[in-house]
C-alpha atoms as a PDB file:
ATOM      1  CA  MET A   1     114.501  82.176  57.316  1.00  0.00           C
ATOM      2  CA  ALA A   2     117.544  80.269  58.599  1.00  0.00           C
ATOM      3  CA  LYS A   3     120.625  82.275  59.464  1.00  0.00           C
ATOM      4  CA  LEU A   4     124.302  81.523  58.943  1.00  0.00           C
ATOM      5  CA  PRO A   5     125.930  82.653  62.187  1.00  0.00           C
ATOM      6  CA  ILE A   6     129.620  83.397  62.366  1.00  0.00           C
ATOM      7  CA  ILE A   7     131.084  80.319  64.067  1.00  0.00           C
ATOM      8  CA  ALA A   8     134.181  78.148  63.881  1.00  0.00           C
ATOM      9  CA  PRO A   9     135.550  76.100  62.281  1.00  0.00           C
ATOM     10  CA  ILE A  10     136.774  78.256  59.483  1.00  0.00           C
ATOM     11  CA  THR A  11     139.809  77.789  57.326  1.00  0.00           C
ATOM     12  CA  ARG A  12     142.934  79.745  57.930  1.00  0.00           C
ATOM     13  CA  PRO A  13     142.642  83.044  56.021  1.00  0.00           C
ATOM     14  CA  GLU A  14     144.090  83.011  52.525  1.00  0.00           C
ATOM     15  CA  LEU A  15     145.530  86.357  51.434  1.00  0.00           C
ATOM     16  CA  THR A  16     145.722  87.713  47.882  1.00  0.00           C
ATOM     17  CA  TYR A  17     147.829  90.727  46.934  1.00  0.00           C
ATOM     18  CA  ASP A  18     147.496  93.104  43.989  1.00  0.00           C
ATOM     19  CA  ALA A  19     150.227  93.757  41.416  1.00  0.00           C
ATOM     20  CA  HIS A  20     151.811  96.346  43.757  1.00  0.00           C
ATOM     21  CA  GLY A  21     152.027  93.986  46.729  1.00  0.00           C
ATOM     22  CA  GLU A  22     149.101  95.543  48.605  1.00  0.00           C
ATOM     23  CA  LEU A  23     146.591  93.307  50.391  1.00  0.00           C
ATOM     24  CA  LEU A  24     143.558  92.934  48.148  1.00  0.00           C
ATOM     25  CA  LEU A  25     141.513  89.970  49.359  1.00  0.00           C
ATOM     26  CA  THR A  26     141.218  87.815  52.468  1.00  0.00           C
ATOM     27  CA  GLN A  27     139.262  84.585  52.033  1.00  0.00           C
ATOM     28  CA  THR A  28     138.029  81.993  54.483  1.00  0.00           C
ATOM     29  CA  TYR A  29     135.811  78.935  54.194  1.00  0.00           C
ATOM     30  CA  GLU A  30     133.229  78.221  56.882  1.00  0.00           C
ATOM     31  CA  ALA A  31     132.737  74.491  56.359  1.00  0.00           C
ATOM     32  CA  ALA A  32     129.709  74.234  58.652  1.00  0.00           C
ATOM     33  CA  HIS A  33     127.859  76.679  56.381  1.00  0.00           C
ATOM     34  CA  HIS A  34     129.470  75.760  53.047  1.00  0.00           C
ATOM     35  CA  LEU A  35     130.332  79.466  52.885  1.00  0.00           C
ATOM     36  CA  LEU A  36     133.215  81.225  51.154  1.00  0.00           C
ATOM     37  CA  VAL A  37     133.802  84.647  52.726  1.00  0.00           C
ATOM     38  CA  ALA A  38     135.821  87.099  50.618  1.00  0.00           C
ATOM     39  CA  ARG A  39     136.782  90.408  52.224  1.00  0.00           C
ATOM     40  CA  TRP A  40     138.174  93.023  49.823  1.00  0.00           C
ATOM     41  CA  THR A  41     140.483  95.909  50.805  1.00  0.00           C
ATOM     42  CA  GLY A  42     142.384  98.629  48.994  1.00  0.00           C
ATOM     43  CA  ILE A  43     141.860 100.117  45.563  1.00  0.00           C
ATOM     44  CA  ALA A  44     139.642  98.424  42.965  1.00  0.00           C
ATOM     45  CA  THR A  45     140.933  98.599  39.421  1.00  0.00           C
ATOM     46  CA  PRO A  46     139.968  96.254  36.598  1.00  0.00           C
ATOM     47  CA  GLU A  47     143.369  94.565  37.032  1.00  0.00           C
ATOM     48  CA  SER A  48     143.125  94.156  40.804  1.00  0.00           C
ATOM     49  CA  VAL A  49     139.531  92.932  40.685  1.00  0.00           C
ATOM     50  CA  GLN A  50     140.504  90.367  38.046  1.00  0.00           C
ATOM     51  CA  ILE A  51     143.326  89.142  40.296  1.00  0.00           C
ATOM     52  CA  GLY A  52     140.932  88.856  43.248  1.00  0.00           C
ATOM     53  CA  VAL A  53     138.124  87.222  41.292  1.00  0.00           C
ATOM     54  CA  GLN A  54     140.527  84.621  39.882  1.00  0.00           C
ATOM     55  CA  ALA A  55     141.765  83.956  43.425  1.00  0.00           C
ATOM     56  CA  ALA A  56     138.159  83.506  44.608  1.00  0.00           C
ATOM     57  CA  LEU A  57     137.490  81.014  41.816  1.00  0.00           C
ATOM     58  CA  ALA A  58     140.637  79.039  42.668  1.00  0.00           C
ATOM     59  CA  PHE A  59     139.670  79.111  46.358  1.00  0.00           C
ATOM     60  CA  ALA A  60     136.180  77.748  45.584  1.00  0.00           C
ATOM     61  CA  GLN A  61     137.683  75.027  43.398  1.00  0.00           C
ATOM     62  CA  ARG A  62     140.022  73.957  46.245  1.00  0.00           C
ATOM     63  CA  HIS A  63     137.087  73.783  48.677  1.00  0.00           C
ATOM     64  CA  PRO A  64     134.508  71.590  46.918  1.00  0.00           C
ATOM     65  CA  GLY A  65     132.026  72.020  49.774  1.00  0.00           C
ATOM     66  CA  VAL A  66     131.491  75.710  48.949  1.00  0.00           C
ATOM     67  CA  GLN A  67     127.845  76.306  48.064  1.00  0.00           C
ATOM     68  CA  VAL A  68     127.406  80.024  48.794  1.00  0.00           C
ATOM     69  CA  ALA A  69     129.676  83.074  48.860  1.00  0.00           C
ATOM     70  CA  LEU A  70     129.724  86.367  50.719  1.00  0.00           C
ATOM     71  CA  SER A  71     131.771  89.125  49.066  1.00  0.00           C
ATOM     72  CA  ASP A  72     132.442  91.959  51.512  1.00  0.00           C
ATOM     73  CA  GLY A  73     133.403  94.999  49.439  1.00  0.00           C
ATOM     74  CA  SER A  74     132.825  97.499  52.220  1.00  0.00           C
ATOM     75  CA  GLN A  75     136.560  98.254  52.520  1.00  0.00           C
ATOM     76  CA  ILE A  76     137.437  98.682  48.836  1.00  0.00           C
ATOM     77  CA  ALA A  77     137.173 101.721  46.579  1.00  0.00           C
ATOM     78  CA  GLY A  78     137.564 102.320  42.868  1.00  0.00           C
ATOM     79  CA  ASP A  79     136.061 101.840  39.445  1.00  0.00           C
ATOM     80  CA  TRP A  80     136.070  98.375  37.854  1.00  0.00           C
ATOM     81  CA  LEU A  81     133.085  98.649  35.509  1.00  0.00           C
ATOM     82  CA  ASP A  82     135.286  97.868  32.484  1.00  0.00           C
ATOM     83  CA  LEU A  83     135.725  94.353  33.866  1.00  0.00           C
ATOM     84  CA  LEU A  84     131.986  93.691  34.175  1.00  0.00           C
ATOM     85  CA  PRO A  85     131.587  91.689  30.918  1.00  0.00           C
ATOM     86  CA  TRP A  86     134.515  89.406  31.836  1.00  0.00           C
ATOM     87  CA  VAL A  87     133.134  88.820  35.328  1.00  0.00           C
ATOM     88  CA  ARG A  88     129.657  88.084  34.013  1.00  0.00           C
ATOM     89  CA  TYR A  89     130.536  85.876  31.028  1.00  0.00           C
ATOM     90  CA  GLU A  90     133.721  84.142  32.152  1.00  0.00           C
ATOM     91  CA  PHE A  91     134.045  84.234  35.923  1.00  0.00           C
ATOM     92  CA  LEU A  92     130.433  83.674  36.907  1.00  0.00           C
ATOM     93  CA  PRO A  93     129.902  80.491  34.830  1.00  0.00           C
ATOM     94  CA  ALA A  94     133.179  79.083  36.209  1.00  0.00           C
ATOM     95  CA  PHE A  95     132.139  80.013  39.777  1.00  0.00           C
ATOM     96  CA  MET A  96     128.841  78.198  39.238  1.00  0.00           C
ATOM     97  CA  THR A  97     130.676  75.149  37.854  1.00  0.00           C
ATOM     98  CA  ALA A  98     132.778  75.160  41.048  1.00  0.00           C
ATOM     99  CA  GLY A  99     129.549  74.601  42.994  1.00  0.00           C
ATOM    100  CA  VAL A 100     128.644  78.109  44.135  1.00  0.00           C
ATOM    101  CA  ARG A 101     124.857  78.528  44.099  1.00  0.00           C
ATOM    102  CA  ALA A 102     124.449  82.121  45.303  1.00  0.00           C
ATOM    103  CA  LEU A 103     126.483  85.241  46.001  1.00  0.00           C
ATOM    104  CA  ALA A 104     125.760  88.077  48.428  1.00  0.00           C
ATOM    105  CA  PHE A 105     127.603  91.412  48.260  1.00  0.00           C
ATOM    106  CA  LEU A 106     128.241  93.918  51.012  1.00  0.00           C
ATOM    107  CA  PRO A 107     128.832  97.001  48.849  1.00  0.00           C
ATOM    108  CA  SER A 108     131.321  99.779  49.325  1.00  0.00           C
ATOM    109  CA  ASP A 109     130.395 103.306  50.379  1.00  0.00           C
ATOM    110  CA  ASP A 110     132.555 104.498  47.471  1.00  0.00           C
ATOM    111  CA  PRO A 111     130.130 105.518  44.677  1.00  0.00           C
ATOM    112  CA  HIS A 112     132.161 104.046  41.784  1.00  0.00           C
ATOM    113  CA  THR A 113     132.737 100.741  43.534  1.00  0.00           C
ATOM    114  CA  ARG A 114     129.109 100.516  44.646  1.00  0.00           C
ATOM    115  CA  LEU A 115     127.999 101.219  41.080  1.00  0.00           C
ATOM    116  CA  GLY A 116     130.129  98.333  39.812  1.00  0.00           C
ATOM    117  CA  MET A 117     128.766  95.928  42.413  1.00  0.00           C
ATOM    118  CA  LEU A 118     125.150  96.920  41.761  1.00  0.00           C
ATOM    119  CA  ALA A 119     125.671  96.692  37.986  1.00  0.00           C
ATOM    120  CA  PHE A 120     127.170  93.228  38.375  1.00  0.00           C
ATOM    121  CA  ALA A 121     124.313  92.050  40.605  1.00  0.00           C
ATOM    122  CA  GLU A 122     121.768  93.307  38.078  1.00  0.00           C
ATOM    123  CA  ALA A 123     123.546  91.793  35.060  1.00  0.00           C
ATOM    124  CA  ALA A 124     124.206  88.454  36.745  1.00  0.00           C
ATOM    125  CA  GLY A 125     120.747  88.112  38.244  1.00  0.00           C
ATOM    126  CA  ALA A 126     119.339  86.334  35.199  1.00  0.00           C
ATOM    127  CA  LEU A 127     121.963  83.575  35.486  1.00  0.00           C
ATOM    128  CA  PHE A 128     122.676  83.266  39.168  1.00  0.00           C
ATOM    129  CA  PRO A 129     121.199  84.416  42.497  1.00  0.00           C
ATOM    130  CA  VAL A 130     123.100  87.591  43.430  1.00  0.00           C
ATOM    131  CA  ARG A 131     121.984  90.210  45.936  1.00  0.00           C
ATOM    132  CA  THR A 132     123.482  93.177  47.702  1.00  0.00           C
ATOM    133  CA  TYR A 133     122.965  93.813  51.400  1.00  0.00           C
ATOM    134  CA  GLU A 134     124.032  96.538  53.784  1.00  0.00           C
ATOM    135  CA  ASP A 135     124.788  94.135  56.658  1.00  0.00           C
ATOM    136  CA  GLU A 136     126.371  90.721  56.947  1.00  0.00           C
ATOM    137  CA  THR A 137     123.659  89.173  59.121  1.00  0.00           C
ATOM    138  CA  THR A 138     120.958  89.797  56.512  1.00  0.00           C
ATOM    139  CA  ALA A 139     123.235  88.583  53.710  1.00  0.00           C
ATOM    140  CA  ARG A 140     123.962  85.353  55.585  1.00  0.00           C
ATOM    141  CA  ALA A 141     120.260  84.790  56.223  1.00  0.00           C
ATOM    142  CA  TRP A 142     119.523  85.122  52.501  1.00  0.00           C
ATOM    143  CA  LEU A 143     122.389  82.762  51.548  1.00  0.00           C
ATOM    144  CA  ALA A 144     121.121  80.071  53.940  1.00  0.00           C
ATOM    145  CA  GLN A 145     118.191  79.279  51.635  1.00  0.00           C
ATOM    146  CA  PHE A 146     120.597  77.982  48.957  1.00  0.00           C
ATOM    147  CA  LEU A 147     122.213  75.300  51.130  1.00  0.00           C
ATOM    148  CA  GLY A 148     121.327  71.701  50.633  1.00  0.00           C
END
């Protein structure tokens, strides 16, 4: 299976802050791999996740070459399960319309956050290729199959 190594050029990081001014999301676009990389930090609440997810959608729409996305939730904690229906029925179709073909998650060690990510991956799996991985290298290798 082909791998997506971490190489330049990437876009300048775009930062998103939560309602309290805390860093929530750092996004970059690796044009050579058509890859959106979203790295989450801080506390996950339904409100903060909605802010971040909307920022990810806007980012994908501004970078029409995006075909795959890597969502690194390893540095975020909290419970956002209440937002799951909105993410599945509103965000995901819009993300697909923006050109994203597959999404890989690096889940948090926090049990509530991990539960939300795994629940989302399971619910979204019927509509869209979504998988969770414990390491970025394996996630990138899986995403590579969706390029083209």
